[in-house]
Amino acid sequence: MALISVIIPAYNSESTIQATLESVFNQTFSDFEVILINDGSTDRTVDILGQISDSRAKVFYYPNSGVAVSRNRGISHASGEFISFLDADDLWTPDKLEAQLQALITHPEAAVAYSWTDCIDEAGNFLYHGMHISPSGYVLGDLLLQNFLQNGSNPLIRKTALLEVGEFDPLLNPSEDLDMWLRLAAKYHFVAVPFPQNLYRITNNSMSSNIVKLEKAGLFLIKKAFDSAPKSLQNLKNQSISNHYKGLVWKTTDGSPKDKKVLLAIMYFMKYIINDPRPLKSLRGKFSLLLKIFRTGLGISV
């Protein structure tokens, strides 16, 4: 029985799944199993999975049901004491599992270890750094303000904690990741590994490119999270909404020029300002964001 179970949902991932698998099999820590959930792929993903020769890989085939259901199916097959999720288009640095496992061993009070994220393009080239912040301990307040884990391919989690808080909620797509991290943060401590070990791939067809859907799902999750949050954290709600819209401005102005929606970005910027409970703070950040929108409108690379 492996110590760590790595769960990879794969749907029509023929262009990226091989590189993703290589980033797992090249880990410096080797006592893991890979649970691959083929989520009803109709491209060459099935052929690629069928050619895996590493004995640590186990492939399961299901009808298409989405990433949340696939992760839940993966958990049901996992034998490891620790679980990490990896999307089929993301990558890990070779030391990711080793560093996060060591962090959890060093901090037995923590149930979740996470690292920093950097973003890459469709070809695997570096785009930009992620947040690179490191809250540790009781992080529910920090996480209500911003998703510093940033993606579903980041944390290493004690399986007992996952079983305690319940499954990923498929009805919260595309915010099921943050919902899970919030539920874990309400009960358990987190520990940070302050190095960029997750390479998150930005594509025009990725879930994060569906901005309007992200807006609605994010607002729904904010309401859900604060409905159950302690009274001492309720004062963070407006700032949480403001940060949500700030993130949407960045996402709206990323990508290729034909995908940039300047009017939508302006609308999100106004909602960011309106909901900001600290109007005299972060003026430099607001100006930088407004400049980014302006440059996008002019077709200047940002």
Protein backbone atom coordinates (compact mmCIF):
# COMPACT_ATOMS: atom_id res chain seq x y z
CA MET A 1 0.00 0.00 0.00
CA ALA A 2 1.41 3.38 -1.05
CA LEU A 3 1.76 6.27 1.39
CA ILE A 4 0.40 8.88 -1.06
CA SER A 5 -2.42 8.54 -3.57
CA VAL A 6 -2.26 10.93 -6.54
CA ILE A 7 -5.67 11.32 -8.18
CA ILE A 8 -5.78 12.55 -11.79
CA PRO A 9 -9.13 13.06 -13.54
CA ALA A 10 -8.64 13.03 -17.33
CA TYR A 11 -11.11 14.16 -19.96
CA ASN A 12 -9.95 14.62 -23.57
CA SER A 13 -6.44 15.43 -22.36
CA GLU A 14 -4.39 13.90 -25.18
CA SER A 15 -2.24 17.02 -25.63
CA THR A 16 -1.16 17.35 -21.97
CA ILE A 17 -1.66 14.10 -20.04
CA GLN A 18 1.74 12.65 -20.98
CA ALA A 19 3.64 15.66 -19.59
CA THR A 20 1.43 15.64 -16.49
CA LEU A 21 2.20 11.97 -15.84
CA GLU A 22 5.92 12.53 -16.35
CA SER A 23 5.87 15.28 -13.71
CA VAL A 24 4.41 12.74 -11.28
CA PHE A 25 6.64 9.78 -12.12
CA ASN A 26 9.70 12.07 -11.88
CA GLN A 27 8.97 12.98 -8.25
CA THR A 28 11.87 12.66 -5.79
CA PHE A 29 9.45 10.88 -3.42
CA SER A 30 8.45 7.53 -4.89
CA ASP A 31 6.08 5.80 -2.44
CA PHE A 32 2.88 6.77 -4.23
CA GLU A 33 0.14 5.32 -6.40
CA VAL A 34 -1.48 7.15 -9.30
CA ILE A 35 -5.26 6.83 -9.57
CA LEU A 36 -6.24 7.84 -13.11
CA ILE A 37 -9.93 8.45 -13.69
CA ASN A 38 -10.74 8.50 -17.38
CA ASP A 39 -13.84 10.71 -17.43
CA GLY A 40 -15.43 9.50 -20.66
CA SER A 41 -12.70 10.78 -22.99
CA THR A 42 -13.40 10.61 -26.73
CA ASP A 43 -9.89 11.49 -27.99
CA ARG A 44 -6.56 9.65 -27.71
CA THR A 45 -6.48 9.98 -23.90
CA VAL A 46 -7.67 6.38 -23.55
CA ASP A 47 -4.84 5.10 -25.77
CA ILE A 48 -2.22 7.08 -23.84
CA LEU A 49 -3.48 5.80 -20.49
CA GLY A 50 -3.46 2.26 -21.83
CA GLN A 51 0.26 2.54 -22.66
CA ILE A 52 1.42 3.47 -19.13
CA SER A 53 4.05 0.95 -18.02
CA ASP A 54 4.66 2.20 -14.46
CA SER A 55 3.19 -0.32 -12.01
CA ARG A 56 2.17 2.48 -9.63
CA ALA A 57 -0.55 3.62 -12.04
CA LYS A 58 -4.13 2.35 -11.85
CA VAL A 59 -6.60 3.39 -14.55
CA PHE A 60 -10.37 3.43 -14.08
CA TYR A 61 -12.92 4.16 -16.80
CA TYR A 62 -16.21 5.98 -16.24
CA PRO A 63 -18.81 7.91 -18.26
CA ASN A 64 -18.22 11.67 -18.37
CA SER A 65 -19.34 13.23 -15.07
CA GLY A 66 -17.03 16.19 -14.46
CA VAL A 67 -13.96 16.81 -12.34
CA ALA A 68 -15.66 16.83 -8.93
CA VAL A 69 -17.27 13.42 -9.43
CA SER A 70 -14.01 12.07 -10.89
CA ARG A 71 -12.06 13.21 -7.83
CA ASN A 72 -14.64 11.60 -5.55
CA ARG A 73 -14.33 8.37 -7.53
CA GLY A 74 -10.56 8.61 -7.17
CA ILE A 75 -10.83 8.97 -3.40
CA SER A 76 -12.93 5.78 -3.27
CA HIS A 77 -10.09 3.87 -4.96
CA ALA A 78 -7.24 5.49 -2.98
CA SER A 79 -5.30 3.44 -0.46
CA GLY A 80 -2.82 6.12 0.63
CA GLU A 81 -2.69 7.88 3.97
CA PHE A 82 -2.29 11.16 2.08
CA ILE A 83 -4.04 12.32 -1.09
CA SER A 84 -3.09 14.88 -3.72
CA PHE A 85 -5.12 15.87 -6.77
CA LEU A 86 -3.62 16.81 -10.12
CA ASP A 87 -5.52 18.09 -13.15
CA ALA A 88 -4.55 16.45 -16.43
CA ASP A 89 -3.11 19.67 -17.87
CA ASP A 90 -1.07 20.85 -14.87
CA LEU A 91 2.48 20.00 -13.82
CA TRP A 92 4.45 19.55 -10.58
CA THR A 93 8.08 20.30 -9.88
CA PRO A 94 10.02 17.12 -8.93
CA ASP A 95 10.17 17.95 -5.20
CA LYS A 96 6.48 18.74 -4.73
CA LEU A 97 5.31 15.58 -2.96
CA GLU A 98 8.48 15.21 -0.88
CA ALA A 99 8.36 18.79 0.41
CA GLN A 100 4.66 18.75 1.22
CA LEU A 101 4.85 15.38 2.96
CA GLN A 102 7.76 16.59 5.08
CA ALA A 103 5.73 19.68 6.01
CA LEU A 104 2.87 17.51 7.26
CA ILE A 105 5.22 15.22 9.16
CA THR A 106 6.87 18.24 10.78
CA HIS A 107 3.46 19.75 11.60
CA PRO A 108 1.25 16.85 12.78
CA GLU A 109 -1.45 19.33 13.80
CA ALA A 110 -1.94 20.25 10.13
CA ALA A 111 -4.06 18.26 7.67
CA VAL A 112 -3.24 20.22 4.50
CA ALA A 113 0.12 21.20 3.01
CA TYR A 114 0.20 23.53 0.02
CA SER A 115 2.80 25.23 -2.16
CA TRP A 116 3.02 28.32 -4.36
CA THR A 117 1.74 28.32 -7.94
CA ASP A 118 3.19 29.66 -11.19
CA CYS A 119 1.22 29.83 -14.43
CA ILE A 120 2.24 28.38 -17.78
CA ASP A 121 0.74 28.65 -21.27
CA GLU A 122 -0.56 25.88 -23.52
CA ALA A 123 2.98 25.06 -24.66
CA GLY A 124 4.30 24.86 -21.09
CA ASN A 125 6.08 28.21 -21.16
CA PHE A 126 6.17 30.38 -18.02
CA LEU A 127 3.52 33.14 -18.01
CA TYR A 128 3.56 34.73 -14.56
CA HIS A 129 3.90 34.06 -10.85
CA GLY A 130 0.92 33.22 -8.69
CA MET A 131 0.15 34.81 -5.33
CA HIS A 132 3.21 33.41 -3.50
CA ILE A 133 1.78 34.03 -0.03
CA SER A 134 2.03 31.59 2.88
CA PRO A 135 -0.69 31.69 5.55
CA SER A 136 -0.34 28.75 7.95
CA GLY A 137 -2.24 27.43 10.95
CA TYR A 138 -5.91 28.40 11.23
CA VAL A 139 -6.31 29.98 7.79
CA LEU A 140 -10.10 30.16 7.36
CA GLY A 141 -10.12 33.97 7.50
CA ASP A 142 -7.30 34.23 4.97
CA LEU A 143 -9.01 31.74 2.66
CA LEU A 144 -12.34 33.56 2.86
CA LEU A 145 -10.57 36.63 1.51
CA GLN A 146 -8.71 34.93 -1.34
CA ASN A 147 -8.01 31.44 -2.62
CA PHE A 148 -4.26 31.43 -2.03
CA LEU A 149 -4.10 27.74 -3.00
CA GLN A 150 -5.26 28.98 -6.45
CA ASN A 151 -6.02 25.60 -8.05
CA GLY A 152 -7.04 22.01 -7.48
CA SER A 153 -3.59 20.58 -8.26
CA ASN A 154 -1.94 22.13 -5.22
CA PRO A 155 -2.42 20.55 -1.77
CA LEU A 156 -1.42 17.29 -0.13
CA ILE A 157 -4.18 16.28 2.31
CA ARG A 158 -4.53 13.69 5.04
CA LYS A 159 -7.14 11.21 3.82
CA THR A 160 -8.81 11.14 7.24
CA ALA A 161 -9.51 14.88 6.90
CA LEU A 162 -11.03 14.46 3.44
CA LEU A 163 -13.30 11.72 4.68
CA GLU A 164 -14.33 13.91 7.63
CA VAL A 165 -15.40 16.95 5.58
CA GLY A 166 -17.10 15.01 2.78
CA GLU A 167 -16.85 14.82 -0.99
CA PHE A 168 -16.31 17.49 -3.63
CA ASP A 169 -19.65 19.07 -4.50
CA PRO A 170 -20.33 18.73 -8.27
CA LEU A 171 -23.10 21.34 -8.03
CA LEU A 172 -20.52 24.03 -7.20
CA ASN A 173 -18.63 23.77 -10.50
CA PRO A 174 -16.32 25.61 -11.13
CA SER A 175 -15.77 26.53 -7.45
CA GLU A 176 -15.70 23.02 -6.00
CA ASP A 177 -11.97 23.33 -5.21
CA LEU A 178 -12.32 26.39 -3.01
CA ASP A 179 -15.41 24.92 -1.34
CA MET A 180 -13.35 21.90 -0.33
CA TRP A 181 -10.42 24.01 0.92
CA LEU A 182 -12.83 26.15 2.99
CA ARG A 183 -14.43 23.11 4.58
CA LEU A 184 -11.00 21.74 5.44
CA ALA A 185 -9.83 25.12 6.80
CA ALA A 186 -12.85 25.30 9.11
CA LYS A 187 -11.71 22.12 10.89
CA TYR A 188 -7.98 21.73 10.33
CA HIS A 189 -4.72 23.65 10.20
CA PHE A 190 -2.82 24.28 6.96
CA VAL A 191 0.96 24.45 6.48
CA ALA A 192 2.70 26.30 3.64
CA VAL A 193 5.67 25.15 1.57
CA PRO A 194 6.90 28.56 0.33
CA PHE A 195 8.18 27.50 -3.08
CA PRO A 196 6.48 27.42 -6.52
CA GLN A 197 5.84 23.70 -7.02
CA ASN A 198 2.60 23.81 -9.02
CA LEU A 199 2.55 24.82 -12.68
CA TYR A 200 -1.01 25.78 -13.58
CA ARG A 201 -1.75 25.74 -17.30
CA ILE A 202 -3.75 28.65 -18.72
CA THR A 203 -5.63 27.80 -21.91
CA ASN A 204 -8.39 29.54 -23.83
CA ASN A 205 -10.59 26.47 -23.32
CA SER A 206 -9.89 26.03 -19.62
CA MET A 207 -12.59 26.36 -16.98
CA SER A 208 -10.97 29.53 -15.71
CA SER A 209 -11.66 31.18 -19.09
CA ASN A 210 -15.44 30.98 -18.52
CA ILE A 211 -15.56 34.30 -16.69
CA VAL A 212 -19.32 34.78 -16.29
CA LYS A 213 -19.69 31.28 -14.88
CA LEU A 214 -16.83 31.95 -12.48
CA GLU A 215 -18.52 35.15 -11.31
CA LYS A 216 -21.81 33.43 -10.46
CA ALA A 217 -20.19 30.38 -8.87
CA GLY A 218 -17.86 32.53 -6.80
CA LEU A 219 -20.66 34.71 -5.42
CA PHE A 220 -22.71 31.63 -4.56
CA LEU A 221 -19.76 30.09 -2.73
CA ILE A 222 -19.02 33.32 -0.81
CA LYS A 223 -22.62 33.36 0.45
CA LYS A 224 -22.43 29.65 1.36
CA ALA A 225 -19.10 30.08 3.16
CA PHE A 226 -20.16 33.10 5.22
CA ASP A 227 -23.49 31.50 6.14
CA SER A 228 -21.48 28.97 8.16
CA ALA A 229 -18.44 31.08 9.09
CA PRO A 230 -17.88 32.14 12.72
CA LYS A 231 -19.31 35.48 13.80
CA SER A 232 -15.78 36.81 14.27
CA LEU A 233 -15.16 36.51 10.50
CA GLN A 234 -18.42 38.00 9.21
CA ASN A 235 -16.82 41.44 8.81
CA LEU A 236 -14.68 40.02 5.98
CA LYS A 237 -17.60 39.40 3.62
CA ASN A 238 -17.50 42.65 1.62
CA GLN A 239 -13.75 42.40 1.24
CA SER A 240 -14.16 38.82 0.05
CA ILE A 241 -16.63 39.96 -2.63
CA SER A 242 -14.30 42.79 -3.63
CA ASN A 243 -11.35 40.41 -3.96
CA HIS A 244 -13.51 38.07 -6.04
CA TYR A 245 -14.17 40.85 -8.56
CA LYS A 246 -10.52 41.89 -8.50
CA GLY A 247 -9.58 38.37 -9.53
CA LEU A 248 -12.19 38.41 -12.28
CA VAL A 249 -10.67 41.59 -13.73
CA TRP A 250 -7.31 39.83 -13.99
CA LYS A 251 -8.85 36.76 -15.62
CA THR A 252 -10.87 38.88 -18.06
CA THR A 253 -7.79 40.73 -19.28
CA ASP A 254 -5.59 37.63 -19.57
CA GLY A 255 -5.40 35.43 -22.65
CA SER A 256 -5.16 36.26 -26.32
CA PRO A 257 -6.54 39.62 -27.58
CA LYS A 258 -9.65 38.08 -29.14
CA ASP A 259 -10.63 36.62 -25.77
CA LYS A 260 -10.25 39.83 -23.77
CA LYS A 261 -13.55 41.45 -22.80
CA VAL A 262 -12.81 45.06 -21.90
CA LEU A 263 -16.39 46.13 -21.07
CA LEU A 264 -16.76 43.12 -18.78
CA ALA A 265 -13.46 43.99 -17.12
CA ILE A 266 -14.65 47.58 -16.51
CA MET A 267 -17.89 46.30 -14.97
CA TYR A 268 -15.96 43.94 -12.67
CA PHE A 269 -13.56 46.74 -11.74
CA MET A 270 -16.49 48.94 -10.64
CA LYS A 271 -17.89 46.10 -8.50
CA TYR A 272 -14.42 45.62 -7.04
CA ILE A 273 -14.34 49.30 -6.01
CA ILE A 274 -17.94 49.39 -4.73
CA ASN A 275 -17.46 46.38 -2.47
CA ASP A 276 -14.03 47.40 -1.16
CA PRO A 277 -14.43 48.28 2.55
CA ARG A 278 -11.05 50.04 2.52
CA PRO A 279 -11.50 52.82 -0.08
CA LEU A 280 -8.31 54.67 0.84
CA LYS A 281 -6.11 51.60 0.83
CA SER A 282 -4.49 49.77 -2.08
CA LEU A 283 -4.74 52.84 -4.33
CA ARG A 284 -1.62 51.76 -6.18
CA GLY A 285 -3.12 48.33 -6.81
CA LYS A 286 -6.36 49.85 -8.09
CA PHE A 287 -4.47 52.13 -10.45
CA SER A 288 -2.40 49.20 -11.77
CA LEU A 289 -5.55 47.20 -12.40
CA LEU A 290 -7.20 50.10 -14.19
CA LEU A 291 -4.08 50.57 -16.30
CA LYS A 292 -4.19 46.88 -17.21
CA ILE A 293 -7.76 47.29 -18.47
CA PHE A 294 -6.77 50.40 -20.46
CA ARG A 295 -3.82 48.65 -22.07
CA THR A 296 -6.04 45.69 -22.91
CA GLY A 297 -8.51 48.01 -24.62
CA LEU A 298 -5.70 49.37 -26.77
CA GLY A 299 -4.58 45.87 -27.69
CA ILE A 300 -1.28 46.23 -25.86
CA SER A 301 0.21 43.04 -24.48
CA VAL A 302 -0.32 42.87 -20.70
